[in-house]
Amino acid sequence: MIRVLIADDHQIVRAGLRQFIADEPDIRVEGEAASGDEVMTRLREMEFDVVVLDISMPDRNGIEVLKLLRQRHPNLPVLILSMYPESLYAINLIRAGASGYLTKESAPDDLVRAIRTVAQGRRYVGPTVADLLIGGLDKPTDQPLHQTLSKREFQIFCKLSRGQSVSVIAEELFLSVKTVSTYRARLLEKMGMKTNADLTYYAIKNGLVE
């Protein structure tokens, strides 16, 4: 039996996902979480085989939760299920350790197939993500700017674009201010930008922040 934890801040979405899975003989929803902090609490309370994780959540967003899960539960498969199209987040999150990426427009059968795939220790890569991966190999210069960042640079990019200061980011990530400043300078150079306002504008324009 595949024990699933569903993490999404919308109750109606969690209920819908639970309903999709209810008839599957080998999959059972064992827990729900409405925030990033609740995900970590549920994982302390019991064991799960797969986490189905949204990106936009209170407390800690899905990107931060994924990083924590890779540190504390390195073998736990994490399937990202998001409203954002694959082109915005999929490559970065798979690079950061996600086992797969689906949009909320995907068919229920795709979700079930993805859960079974990642539960077996394999990655679930749908046609769109596969095309992005292949396209990234063939035409690296055509990638969106944020996909050129390392996973740590992307994490800091997301925080900067949401208006967090370097000192706050340093405290949250247990890094020195100097280290975060170095990452900031590096990602600005990679993206051809000069200020945090440029990062915020890019993030909003590309649907990376709400």
N, C-alpha and C. Protein backbone atom coordinates (compact mmCIF):
# COMPACT_ATOMS: atom_id res chain seq x y z
N MET A 1 0.84 -1.20 0.00
CA MET A 1 0.00 0.00 0.00
C MET A 1 0.87 1.25 0.00
N ILE A 2 0.64 2.15 -0.92
CA ILE A 2 1.38 3.41 -1.01
C ILE A 2 0.69 4.45 -0.14
N ARG A 3 1.37 4.89 0.90
CA ARG A 3 0.80 5.87 1.83
C ARG A 3 1.18 7.28 1.39
N VAL A 4 0.15 8.09 1.14
CA VAL A 4 0.35 9.41 0.53
C VAL A 4 0.02 10.53 1.52
N LEU A 5 0.87 11.55 1.53
CA LEU A 5 0.58 12.80 2.24
C LEU A 5 0.30 13.87 1.19
N ILE A 6 -0.88 14.49 1.27
CA ILE A 6 -1.26 15.55 0.34
C ILE A 6 -1.04 16.90 1.02
N ALA A 7 -0.23 17.75 0.40
CA ALA A 7 0.08 19.06 0.96
C ALA A 7 -0.39 20.15 0.00
N ASP A 8 -1.48 20.83 0.38
CA ASP A 8 -2.04 21.92 -0.43
C ASP A 8 -2.84 22.80 0.51
N ASP A 9 -2.76 24.12 0.32
CA ASP A 9 -3.45 25.01 1.26
C ASP A 9 -4.93 25.18 0.97
N HIS A 10 -5.43 24.56 -0.10
CA HIS A 10 -6.86 24.65 -0.42
C HIS A 10 -7.55 23.33 -0.07
N GLN A 11 -8.52 23.42 0.84
CA GLN A 11 -9.20 22.21 1.29
C GLN A 11 -9.92 21.50 0.15
N ILE A 12 -10.50 22.27 -0.77
CA ILE A 12 -11.25 21.66 -1.86
C ILE A 12 -10.33 20.88 -2.79
N VAL A 13 -9.09 21.37 -2.94
CA VAL A 13 -8.11 20.64 -3.76
C VAL A 13 -7.72 19.34 -3.08
N ARG A 14 -7.48 19.40 -1.77
CA ARG A 14 -7.12 18.17 -1.04
C ARG A 14 -8.25 17.15 -1.11
N ALA A 15 -9.49 17.64 -0.97
CA ALA A 15 -10.65 16.73 -1.04
C ALA A 15 -10.76 16.10 -2.43
N GLY A 16 -10.50 16.90 -3.47
CA GLY A 16 -10.56 16.38 -4.82
C GLY A 16 -9.50 15.33 -5.07
N LEU A 17 -8.29 15.58 -4.60
CA LEU A 17 -7.21 14.62 -4.77
C LEU A 17 -7.51 13.33 -4.02
N ARG A 18 -8.04 13.47 -2.81
CA ARG A 18 -8.41 12.29 -2.02
C ARG A 18 -9.45 11.45 -2.77
N GLN A 19 -10.41 12.13 -3.41
CA GLN A 19 -11.46 11.43 -4.15
C GLN A 19 -10.87 10.70 -5.36
N PHE A 20 -9.93 11.35 -6.05
CA PHE A 20 -9.31 10.72 -7.22
C PHE A 20 -8.63 9.41 -6.83
N ILE A 21 -8.03 9.41 -5.65
CA ILE A 21 -7.21 8.28 -5.23
C ILE A 21 -8.04 7.20 -4.53
N ALA A 22 -9.23 7.55 -4.07
CA ALA A 22 -10.02 6.68 -3.20
C ALA A 22 -10.27 5.29 -3.78
N ASP A 23 -10.44 5.19 -5.08
CA ASP A 23 -10.79 3.91 -5.69
C ASP A 23 -9.59 3.07 -6.07
N GLU A 24 -8.39 3.59 -5.83
CA GLU A 24 -7.19 2.84 -6.20
C GLU A 24 -6.86 1.82 -5.11
N PRO A 25 -6.73 0.54 -5.45
CA PRO A 25 -6.53 -0.49 -4.42
C PRO A 25 -5.17 -0.44 -3.74
N ASP A 26 -4.19 0.20 -4.38
CA ASP A 26 -2.83 0.17 -3.85
C ASP A 26 -2.34 1.52 -3.33
N ILE A 27 -3.23 2.52 -3.30
CA ILE A 27 -2.84 3.86 -2.84
C ILE A 27 -3.84 4.34 -1.80
N ARG A 28 -3.33 4.91 -0.71
CA ARG A 28 -4.22 5.42 0.33
C ARG A 28 -3.69 6.76 0.85
N VAL A 29 -4.57 7.76 0.91
CA VAL A 29 -4.20 9.05 1.50
C VAL A 29 -4.22 8.90 3.01
N GLU A 30 -3.04 9.00 3.62
CA GLU A 30 -2.91 8.79 5.06
C GLU A 30 -2.83 10.10 5.83
N GLY A 31 -2.63 11.23 5.12
CA GLY A 31 -2.52 12.50 5.83
C GLY A 31 -2.66 13.68 4.88
N GLU A 32 -3.00 14.83 5.48
CA GLU A 32 -3.12 16.07 4.73
C GLU A 32 -2.38 17.18 5.47
N ALA A 33 -1.92 18.17 4.71
CA ALA A 33 -1.27 19.33 5.30
C ALA A 33 -1.67 20.56 4.51
N ALA A 34 -1.95 21.66 5.23
CA ALA A 34 -2.38 22.90 4.59
C ALA A 34 -1.29 23.95 4.55
N SER A 35 -0.11 23.63 5.07
CA SER A 35 1.00 24.59 5.07
C SER A 35 2.32 23.82 5.09
N GLY A 36 3.39 24.56 4.82
CA GLY A 36 4.70 23.94 4.84
C GLY A 36 5.07 23.38 6.20
N ASP A 37 4.74 24.14 7.25
CA ASP A 37 5.05 23.67 8.60
C ASP A 37 4.26 22.40 8.94
N GLU A 38 3.01 22.32 8.46
CA GLU A 38 2.20 21.12 8.73
C GLU A 38 2.79 19.90 8.04
N VAL A 39 3.39 20.08 6.89
CA VAL A 39 4.05 18.95 6.21
C VAL A 39 5.10 18.34 7.13
N MET A 40 5.95 19.20 7.68
CA MET A 40 7.02 18.69 8.54
C MET A 40 6.46 18.05 9.81
N THR A 41 5.36 18.61 10.33
CA THR A 41 4.72 18.02 11.52
C THR A 41 4.18 16.64 11.21
N ARG A 42 3.47 16.50 10.08
CA ARG A 42 2.90 15.20 9.72
C ARG A 42 4.00 14.15 9.57
N LEU A 43 5.12 14.56 9.00
CA LEU A 43 6.20 13.60 8.78
C LEU A 43 6.88 13.18 10.09
N ARG A 44 6.77 14.02 11.09
CA ARG A 44 7.27 13.61 12.41
C ARG A 44 6.31 12.64 13.09
N GLU A 45 5.04 12.72 12.73
CA GLU A 45 4.01 11.91 13.38
C GLU A 45 3.92 10.50 12.82
N MET A 46 4.15 10.34 11.52
CA MET A 46 4.04 9.02 10.91
C MET A 46 4.84 8.96 9.62
N GLU A 47 4.93 7.75 9.06
CA GLU A 47 5.70 7.56 7.84
C GLU A 47 4.79 7.58 6.62
N PHE A 48 5.32 8.13 5.53
CA PHE A 48 4.61 8.16 4.26
C PHE A 48 5.54 7.63 3.18
N ASP A 49 4.93 7.18 2.08
CA ASP A 49 5.71 6.67 0.95
C ASP A 49 5.87 7.71 -0.15
N VAL A 50 4.93 8.66 -0.24
CA VAL A 50 4.99 9.72 -1.25
C VAL A 50 4.37 10.99 -0.66
N VAL A 51 5.00 12.14 -0.93
CA VAL A 51 4.40 13.44 -0.61
C VAL A 51 3.98 14.10 -1.91
N VAL A 52 2.71 14.48 -2.00
CA VAL A 52 2.22 15.26 -3.14
C VAL A 52 2.18 16.71 -2.67
N LEU A 53 3.03 17.55 -3.24
CA LEU A 53 3.34 18.86 -2.67
C LEU A 53 3.00 20.00 -3.62
N ASP A 54 2.24 20.97 -3.12
CA ASP A 54 1.97 22.20 -3.87
C ASP A 54 3.13 23.17 -3.67
N ILE A 55 3.27 24.15 -4.58
CA ILE A 55 4.34 25.14 -4.44
C ILE A 55 3.90 26.30 -3.55
N SER A 56 2.69 26.81 -3.78
CA SER A 56 2.23 28.01 -3.06
C SER A 56 1.51 27.61 -1.78
N MET A 57 2.20 27.75 -0.65
CA MET A 57 1.60 27.44 0.64
C MET A 57 2.07 28.43 1.69
N PRO A 58 1.28 28.59 2.77
CA PRO A 58 1.71 29.48 3.86
C PRO A 58 2.89 28.90 4.63
N ASP A 59 3.47 29.74 5.49
CA ASP A 59 4.59 29.37 6.36
C ASP A 59 5.85 29.14 5.54
N ARG A 60 5.92 27.98 4.92
CA ARG A 60 7.02 27.66 4.02
C ARG A 60 6.43 27.27 2.68
N ASN A 61 6.96 27.82 1.59
CA ASN A 61 6.43 27.42 0.29
C ASN A 61 7.01 26.07 -0.10
N GLY A 62 6.49 25.52 -1.20
CA GLY A 62 6.90 24.19 -1.60
C GLY A 62 8.37 24.05 -1.92
N ILE A 63 8.98 25.13 -2.43
CA ILE A 63 10.40 25.10 -2.74
C ILE A 63 11.22 24.91 -1.46
N GLU A 64 10.84 25.64 -0.41
CA GLU A 64 11.56 25.52 0.86
C GLU A 64 11.31 24.16 1.51
N VAL A 65 10.06 23.68 1.41
CA VAL A 65 9.73 22.37 1.98
C VAL A 65 10.51 21.27 1.27
N LEU A 66 10.61 21.37 -0.05
CA LEU A 66 11.36 20.36 -0.81
C LEU A 66 12.81 20.32 -0.33
N LYS A 67 13.41 21.46 -0.11
CA LYS A 67 14.80 21.50 0.36
C LYS A 67 14.92 20.83 1.73
N LEU A 68 13.97 21.12 2.63
CA LEU A 68 14.00 20.49 3.95
C LEU A 68 13.82 18.98 3.85
N LEU A 69 12.91 18.56 2.99
CA LEU A 69 12.67 17.12 2.84
C LEU A 69 13.90 16.40 2.31
N ARG A 70 14.61 17.03 1.40
CA ARG A 70 15.83 16.39 0.87
C ARG A 70 16.89 16.28 1.94
N GLN A 71 16.89 17.22 2.91
CA GLN A 71 17.85 17.17 4.00
C GLN A 71 17.46 16.13 5.05
N ARG A 72 16.18 16.12 5.43
CA ARG A 72 15.72 15.31 6.56
C ARG A 72 15.16 13.95 6.15
N HIS A 73 14.62 13.87 4.94
CA HIS A 73 14.04 12.61 4.45
C HIS A 73 14.52 12.39 3.02
N PRO A 74 15.81 12.15 2.84
CA PRO A 74 16.40 12.13 1.50
C PRO A 74 15.82 11.07 0.57
N ASN A 75 15.24 10.02 1.11
CA ASN A 75 14.73 8.94 0.26
C ASN A 75 13.22 9.01 0.03
N LEU A 76 12.57 10.03 0.58
CA LEU A 76 11.12 10.15 0.45
C LEU A 76 10.77 10.81 -0.89
N PRO A 77 10.03 10.13 -1.77
CA PRO A 77 9.67 10.72 -3.05
C PRO A 77 8.72 11.91 -2.87
N VAL A 78 9.00 12.99 -3.60
CA VAL A 78 8.16 14.19 -3.55
C VAL A 78 7.67 14.48 -4.95
N LEU A 79 6.35 14.46 -5.12
CA LEU A 79 5.72 14.76 -6.41
C LEU A 79 5.12 16.15 -6.33
N ILE A 80 5.61 17.07 -7.15
CA ILE A 80 5.09 18.43 -7.16
C ILE A 80 3.82 18.48 -8.00
N LEU A 81 2.75 19.04 -7.42
CA LEU A 81 1.48 19.23 -8.12
C LEU A 81 1.13 20.70 -7.99
N SER A 82 1.21 21.44 -9.10
CA SER A 82 1.14 22.89 -9.01
C SER A 82 0.22 23.48 -10.07
N MET A 83 -0.26 24.70 -9.79
CA MET A 83 -1.04 25.44 -10.78
C MET A 83 -0.14 26.04 -11.86
N TYR A 84 1.17 26.13 -11.58
CA TYR A 84 2.09 26.77 -12.51
C TYR A 84 2.47 25.80 -13.63
N PRO A 85 2.59 26.28 -14.87
CA PRO A 85 2.98 25.41 -15.98
C PRO A 85 4.39 24.88 -15.80
N GLU A 86 4.66 23.77 -16.44
CA GLU A 86 5.94 23.10 -16.28
C GLU A 86 7.12 24.00 -16.63
N SER A 87 6.93 24.87 -17.60
CA SER A 87 8.04 25.70 -18.09
C SER A 87 8.58 26.64 -17.02
N LEU A 88 7.79 26.94 -15.99
CA LEU A 88 8.22 27.89 -14.97
C LEU A 88 9.06 27.25 -13.88
N TYR A 89 8.67 26.06 -13.44
CA TYR A 89 9.30 25.49 -12.25
C TYR A 89 9.88 24.09 -12.42
N ALA A 90 9.38 23.32 -13.36
CA ALA A 90 9.66 21.88 -13.36
C ALA A 90 11.14 21.56 -13.36
N ILE A 91 11.92 22.17 -14.24
CA ILE A 91 13.33 21.82 -14.35
C ILE A 91 14.07 22.13 -13.06
N ASN A 92 13.83 23.33 -12.51
CA ASN A 92 14.51 23.71 -11.27
C ASN A 92 14.16 22.79 -10.11
N LEU A 93 12.89 22.40 -10.01
CA LEU A 93 12.48 21.58 -8.87
C LEU A 93 12.95 20.14 -9.02
N ILE A 94 12.97 19.62 -10.22
CA ILE A 94 13.52 18.28 -10.43
C ILE A 94 15.02 18.30 -10.13
N ARG A 95 15.68 19.37 -10.55
CA ARG A 95 17.10 19.53 -10.24
C ARG A 95 17.32 19.60 -8.72
N ALA A 96 16.34 20.18 -8.01
CA ALA A 96 16.44 20.34 -6.55
C ALA A 96 16.06 19.07 -5.80
N GLY A 97 15.59 18.04 -6.52
CA GLY A 97 15.31 16.78 -5.86
C GLY A 97 13.89 16.28 -5.94
N ALA A 98 13.00 16.99 -6.61
CA ALA A 98 11.63 16.50 -6.78
C ALA A 98 11.65 15.24 -7.65
N SER A 99 10.75 14.32 -7.37
CA SER A 99 10.69 13.07 -8.13
C SER A 99 9.83 13.21 -9.38
N GLY A 100 9.04 14.28 -9.45
CA GLY A 100 8.19 14.50 -10.61
C GLY A 100 7.44 15.81 -10.48
N TYR A 101 6.84 16.24 -11.59
CA TYR A 101 6.12 17.51 -11.61
C TYR A 101 4.88 17.35 -12.47
N LEU A 102 3.73 17.73 -11.90
CA LEU A 102 2.45 17.72 -12.62
C LEU A 102 1.76 19.05 -12.39
N THR A 103 1.00 19.49 -13.39
CA THR A 103 0.15 20.66 -13.17
C THR A 103 -1.23 20.18 -12.69
N LYS A 104 -1.97 21.09 -12.09
CA LYS A 104 -3.30 20.74 -11.58
C LYS A 104 -4.32 20.55 -12.70
N GLU A 105 -3.90 20.83 -13.92
CA GLU A 105 -4.76 20.56 -15.07
C GLU A 105 -4.59 19.13 -15.58
N SER A 106 -3.67 18.39 -15.00
CA SER A 106 -3.42 17.02 -15.44
C SER A 106 -4.63 16.13 -15.15
N ALA A 107 -4.76 15.07 -15.93
CA ALA A 107 -5.85 14.11 -15.73
C ALA A 107 -5.60 13.30 -14.46
N PRO A 108 -6.67 12.89 -13.76
CA PRO A 108 -6.51 12.06 -12.56
C PRO A 108 -5.66 10.81 -12.80
N ASP A 109 -5.81 10.21 -13.98
CA ASP A 109 -5.02 9.02 -14.29
C ASP A 109 -3.52 9.33 -14.29
N ASP A 110 -3.16 10.54 -14.73
CA ASP A 110 -1.75 10.94 -14.73
C ASP A 110 -1.23 11.04 -13.30
N LEU A 111 -2.05 11.58 -12.42
CA LEU A 111 -1.66 11.70 -11.01
C LEU A 111 -1.41 10.32 -10.40
N VAL A 112 -2.33 9.40 -10.63
CA VAL A 112 -2.20 8.05 -10.08
C VAL A 112 -0.95 7.38 -10.63
N ARG A 113 -0.75 7.52 -11.93
CA ARG A 113 0.44 6.93 -12.57
C ARG A 113 1.72 7.53 -11.99
N ALA A 114 1.70 8.84 -11.76
CA ALA A 114 2.88 9.52 -11.22
C ALA A 114 3.18 9.05 -9.80
N ILE A 115 2.14 8.90 -8.97
CA ILE A 115 2.34 8.43 -7.60
C ILE A 115 2.96 7.04 -7.60
N ARG A 116 2.45 6.15 -8.43
CA ARG A 116 3.00 4.79 -8.48
C ARG A 116 4.45 4.81 -8.96
N THR A 117 4.74 5.67 -9.93
CA THR A 117 6.09 5.74 -10.49
C THR A 117 7.10 6.20 -9.45
N VAL A 118 6.80 7.31 -8.77
CA VAL A 118 7.77 7.85 -7.81
C VAL A 118 7.87 6.95 -6.57
N ALA A 119 6.77 6.26 -6.23
CA ALA A 119 6.81 5.34 -5.08
C ALA A 119 7.78 4.18 -5.32
N GLN A 120 8.02 3.88 -6.60
CA GLN A 120 8.97 2.81 -6.96
C GLN A 120 10.41 3.31 -7.03
N GLY A 121 10.59 4.60 -6.66
CA GLY A 121 11.94 5.15 -6.67
C GLY A 121 12.38 5.70 -8.01
N ARG A 122 11.43 5.81 -8.95
CA ARG A 122 11.75 6.36 -10.26
C ARG A 122 11.21 7.78 -10.37
N ARG A 123 11.67 8.51 -11.36
CA ARG A 123 11.17 9.85 -11.60
C ARG A 123 10.01 9.80 -12.59
N TYR A 124 9.03 10.67 -12.33
CA TYR A 124 7.91 10.79 -13.28
C TYR A 124 8.15 12.03 -14.12
N VAL A 125 8.34 11.82 -15.41
CA VAL A 125 8.57 12.93 -16.33
C VAL A 125 7.53 12.83 -17.44
N GLY A 126 6.55 13.75 -17.43
CA GLY A 126 5.53 13.77 -18.47
C GLY A 126 6.09 14.31 -19.77
N PRO A 127 5.30 14.27 -20.83
CA PRO A 127 5.78 14.71 -22.16
C PRO A 127 6.30 16.14 -22.17
N THR A 128 5.61 17.06 -21.47
CA THR A 128 6.02 18.46 -21.49
C THR A 128 7.37 18.64 -20.81
N VAL A 129 7.53 18.00 -19.64
CA VAL A 129 8.80 18.11 -18.93
C VAL A 129 9.92 17.44 -19.73
N ALA A 130 9.61 16.31 -20.37
CA ALA A 130 10.61 15.63 -21.20
C ALA A 130 11.08 16.54 -22.33
N ASP A 131 10.14 17.24 -22.95
CA ASP A 131 10.51 18.17 -24.02
C ASP A 131 11.39 19.29 -23.49
N LEU A 132 11.07 19.78 -22.27
CA LEU A 132 11.88 20.84 -21.67
C LEU A 132 13.30 20.35 -21.40
N LEU A 133 13.41 19.13 -20.89
CA LEU A 133 14.73 18.57 -20.61
C LEU A 133 15.54 18.40 -21.89
N ILE A 134 14.90 17.86 -22.92
CA ILE A 134 15.59 17.65 -24.19
C ILE A 134 15.94 18.99 -24.83
N GLY A 135 14.99 19.92 -24.76
CA GLY A 135 15.23 21.25 -25.32
C GLY A 135 16.36 21.96 -24.61
N GLY A 136 16.45 21.73 -23.30
CA GLY A 136 17.51 22.36 -22.53
C GLY A 136 18.88 21.82 -22.92
N LEU A 137 18.93 20.54 -23.31
CA LEU A 137 20.19 19.96 -23.74
C LEU A 137 20.57 20.45 -25.13
N ASP A 138 19.55 20.55 -25.99
CA ASP A 138 19.82 20.95 -27.38
C ASP A 138 20.10 22.44 -27.51
N LYS A 139 19.35 23.24 -26.73
CA LYS A 139 19.43 24.69 -26.87
C LYS A 139 19.54 25.36 -25.51
N PRO A 140 20.69 25.21 -24.86
CA PRO A 140 20.82 25.77 -23.52
C PRO A 140 20.61 27.27 -23.46
N THR A 141 20.90 27.99 -24.55
CA THR A 141 20.74 29.43 -24.52
C THR A 141 19.28 29.86 -24.62
N ASP A 142 18.41 28.90 -25.00
CA ASP A 142 16.99 29.24 -25.12
C ASP A 142 16.22 29.02 -23.83
N GLN A 143 16.88 28.54 -22.78
CA GLN A 143 16.19 28.31 -21.52
C GLN A 143 15.74 29.64 -20.91
N PRO A 144 14.61 29.64 -20.19
CA PRO A 144 14.28 30.83 -19.41
C PRO A 144 15.43 31.15 -18.46
N LEU A 145 15.62 32.43 -18.18
CA LEU A 145 16.76 32.85 -17.38
C LEU A 145 16.85 32.13 -16.04
N HIS A 146 15.70 31.93 -15.37
CA HIS A 146 15.74 31.33 -14.03
C HIS A 146 16.17 29.87 -14.07
N GLN A 147 16.07 29.22 -15.24
CA GLN A 147 16.48 27.82 -15.33
C GLN A 147 17.99 27.67 -15.46
N THR A 148 18.71 28.78 -15.63
CA THR A 148 20.17 28.72 -15.68
C THR A 148 20.78 28.75 -14.28
N LEU A 149 19.94 29.00 -13.26
CA LEU A 149 20.44 29.13 -11.89
C LEU A 149 20.63 27.77 -11.24
N SER A 150 21.58 27.69 -10.32
CA SER A 150 21.70 26.49 -9.50
C SER A 150 20.52 26.45 -8.53
N LYS A 151 20.34 25.30 -7.86
CA LYS A 151 19.18 25.19 -6.97
C LYS A 151 19.29 26.18 -5.81
N ARG A 152 20.50 26.44 -5.30
CA ARG A 152 20.66 27.42 -4.22
C ARG A 152 20.41 28.83 -4.74
N GLU A 153 20.93 29.14 -5.93
CA GLU A 153 20.68 30.45 -6.52
C GLU A 153 19.20 30.68 -6.76
N PHE A 154 18.52 29.63 -7.23
CA PHE A 154 17.08 29.76 -7.50
C PHE A 154 16.31 29.97 -6.21
N GLN A 155 16.71 29.28 -5.15
CA GLN A 155 16.07 29.46 -3.86
C GLN A 155 16.21 30.90 -3.38
N ILE A 156 17.40 31.45 -3.50
CA ILE A 156 17.64 32.83 -3.06
C ILE A 156 16.95 33.82 -3.99
N PHE A 157 16.93 33.50 -5.28
CA PHE A 157 16.20 34.33 -6.24
C PHE A 157 14.74 34.47 -5.83
N CYS A 158 14.10 33.34 -5.47
CA CYS A 158 12.68 33.36 -5.08
C CYS A 158 12.46 34.25 -3.86
N LYS A 159 13.36 34.16 -2.91
CA LYS A 159 13.22 34.96 -1.69
C LYS A 159 13.44 36.45 -1.98
N LEU A 160 14.45 36.76 -2.77
CA LEU A 160 14.70 38.15 -3.12
C LEU A 160 13.54 38.75 -3.90
N SER A 161 13.00 37.97 -4.82
CA SER A 161 11.91 38.48 -5.66
C SER A 161 10.63 38.70 -4.86
N ARG A 162 10.53 38.06 -3.68
CA ARG A 162 9.38 38.27 -2.81
C ARG A 162 9.63 39.42 -1.81
N GLY A 163 10.78 40.08 -1.95
CA GLY A 163 11.05 41.26 -1.14
C GLY A 163 11.82 41.00 0.13
N GLN A 164 12.33 39.77 0.34
CA GLN A 164 13.09 39.49 1.55
C GLN A 164 14.49 40.11 1.45
N SER A 165 15.00 40.60 2.55
CA SER A 165 16.32 41.20 2.57
C SER A 165 17.40 40.12 2.66
N VAL A 166 18.62 40.52 2.32
CA VAL A 166 19.74 39.59 2.38
C VAL A 166 19.94 39.06 3.80
N SER A 167 19.78 39.93 4.80
CA SER A 167 19.99 39.50 6.18
C SER A 167 18.94 38.49 6.63
N VAL A 168 17.69 38.70 6.24
CA VAL A 168 16.62 37.76 6.59
C VAL A 168 16.85 36.42 5.91
N ILE A 169 17.23 36.46 4.63
CA ILE A 169 17.50 35.22 3.90
C ILE A 169 18.65 34.47 4.56
N ALA A 170 19.69 35.19 4.93
CA ALA A 170 20.84 34.56 5.59
C ALA A 170 20.42 33.85 6.87
N GLU A 171 19.56 34.50 7.65
CA GLU A 171 19.09 33.90 8.90
C GLU A 171 18.26 32.65 8.64
N GLU A 172 17.36 32.71 7.66
CA GLU A 172 16.48 31.58 7.36
C GLU A 172 17.25 30.38 6.83
N LEU A 173 18.30 30.64 6.04
CA LEU A 173 19.04 29.55 5.40
C LEU A 173 20.29 29.16 6.16
N PHE A 174 20.51 29.80 7.32
CA PHE A 174 21.69 29.51 8.15
C PHE A 174 22.98 29.73 7.36
N LEU A 175 23.00 30.84 6.61
CA LEU A 175 24.18 31.24 5.86
C LEU A 175 24.65 32.60 6.36
N SER A 176 25.86 32.98 6.03
CA SER A 176 26.33 34.32 6.39
C SER A 176 25.75 35.33 5.40
N VAL A 177 25.66 36.57 5.85
CA VAL A 177 25.19 37.64 4.98
C VAL A 177 26.10 37.75 3.75
N LYS A 178 27.39 37.58 3.97
CA LYS A 178 28.35 37.67 2.86
C LYS A 178 28.09 36.59 1.82
N THR A 179 27.77 35.38 2.28
CA THR A 179 27.50 34.28 1.35
C THR A 179 26.26 34.56 0.52
N VAL A 180 25.19 35.02 1.18
CA VAL A 180 23.96 35.34 0.46
C VAL A 180 24.20 36.47 -0.53
N SER A 181 24.98 37.46 -0.12
CA SER A 181 25.30 38.57 -1.01
C SER A 181 26.06 38.08 -2.24
N THR A 182 26.93 37.10 -2.03
CA THR A 182 27.67 36.53 -3.16
C THR A 182 26.73 35.81 -4.11
N TYR A 183 25.80 35.02 -3.56
CA TYR A 183 24.81 34.36 -4.39
C TYR A 183 23.97 35.38 -5.16
N ARG A 184 23.59 36.44 -4.47
CA ARG A 184 22.78 37.49 -5.10
C ARG A 184 23.52 38.10 -6.29
N ALA A 185 24.78 38.43 -6.07
CA ALA A 185 25.58 39.02 -7.15
C ALA A 185 25.70 38.06 -8.33
N ARG A 186 25.89 36.79 -8.00
CA ARG A 186 26.07 35.78 -9.05
C ARG A 186 24.81 35.61 -9.87
N LEU A 187 23.64 35.51 -9.19
CA LEU A 187 22.41 35.29 -9.95
C LEU A 187 22.00 36.54 -10.73
N LEU A 188 22.29 37.71 -10.19
CA LEU A 188 22.02 38.93 -10.95
C LEU A 188 22.85 38.95 -12.24
N GLU A 189 24.11 38.53 -12.11
CA GLU A 189 24.98 38.50 -13.29
C GLU A 189 24.48 37.49 -14.32
N LYS A 190 24.09 36.29 -13.85
CA LYS A 190 23.60 35.26 -14.75
C LYS A 190 22.35 35.72 -15.49
N MET A 191 21.49 36.46 -14.80
CA MET A 191 20.22 36.86 -15.39
C MET A 191 20.29 38.23 -16.07
N GLY A 192 21.47 38.85 -16.03
CA GLY A 192 21.64 40.13 -16.69
C GLY A 192 20.85 41.25 -16.06
N MET A 193 20.71 41.21 -14.73
CA MET A 193 19.91 42.20 -14.02
C MET A 193 20.78 42.95 -13.01
N LYS A 194 20.26 44.07 -12.51
CA LYS A 194 21.05 44.92 -11.63
C LYS A 194 20.49 45.07 -10.22
N THR A 195 19.16 44.97 -10.07
CA THR A 195 18.55 45.25 -8.77
C THR A 195 17.55 44.16 -8.38
N ASN A 196 17.17 44.18 -7.09
CA ASN A 196 16.11 43.27 -6.63
C ASN A 196 14.79 43.57 -7.31
N ALA A 197 14.57 44.85 -7.64
CA ALA A 197 13.33 45.21 -8.33
C ALA A 197 13.26 44.54 -9.70
N ASP A 198 14.41 44.40 -10.37
CA ASP A 198 14.45 43.69 -11.65
C ASP A 198 14.05 42.23 -11.46
N LEU A 199 14.53 41.62 -10.37
CA LEU A 199 14.18 40.23 -10.08
C LEU A 199 12.69 40.08 -9.82
N THR A 200 12.13 41.02 -9.04
CA THR A 200 10.70 40.97 -8.73
C THR A 200 9.87 41.11 -9.99
N TYR A 201 10.26 42.06 -10.84
CA TYR A 201 9.52 42.27 -12.09
C TYR A 201 9.55 41.01 -12.95
N TYR A 202 10.74 40.40 -13.06
CA TYR A 202 10.88 39.17 -13.84
C TYR A 202 10.01 38.06 -13.27
N ALA A 203 10.04 37.92 -11.93
CA ALA A 203 9.29 36.85 -11.28
C ALA A 203 7.78 37.02 -11.49
N ILE A 204 7.30 38.24 -11.37
CA ILE A 204 5.87 38.50 -11.58
C ILE A 204 5.49 38.27 -13.04
N LYS A 205 6.30 38.78 -13.94
CA LYS A 205 6.04 38.63 -15.37
C LYS A 205 5.98 37.18 -15.79
N ASN A 206 6.79 36.35 -15.16
CA ASN A 206 6.87 34.94 -15.53
C ASN A 206 6.06 34.02 -14.62
N GLY A 207 5.23 34.63 -13.75
CA GLY A 207 4.34 33.83 -12.92
C GLY A 207 5.03 33.06 -11.82
N LEU A 208 6.22 33.49 -11.41
CA LEU A 208 6.96 32.78 -10.38
C LEU A 208 6.57 33.19 -8.97
N VAL A 209 5.93 34.34 -8.83
CA VAL A 209 5.38 34.78 -7.56
C VAL A 209 3.97 35.27 -7.80
N GLU A 210 3.16 35.23 -6.74
CA GLU A 210 1.77 35.66 -6.86
C GLU A 210 1.66 37.14 -6.55
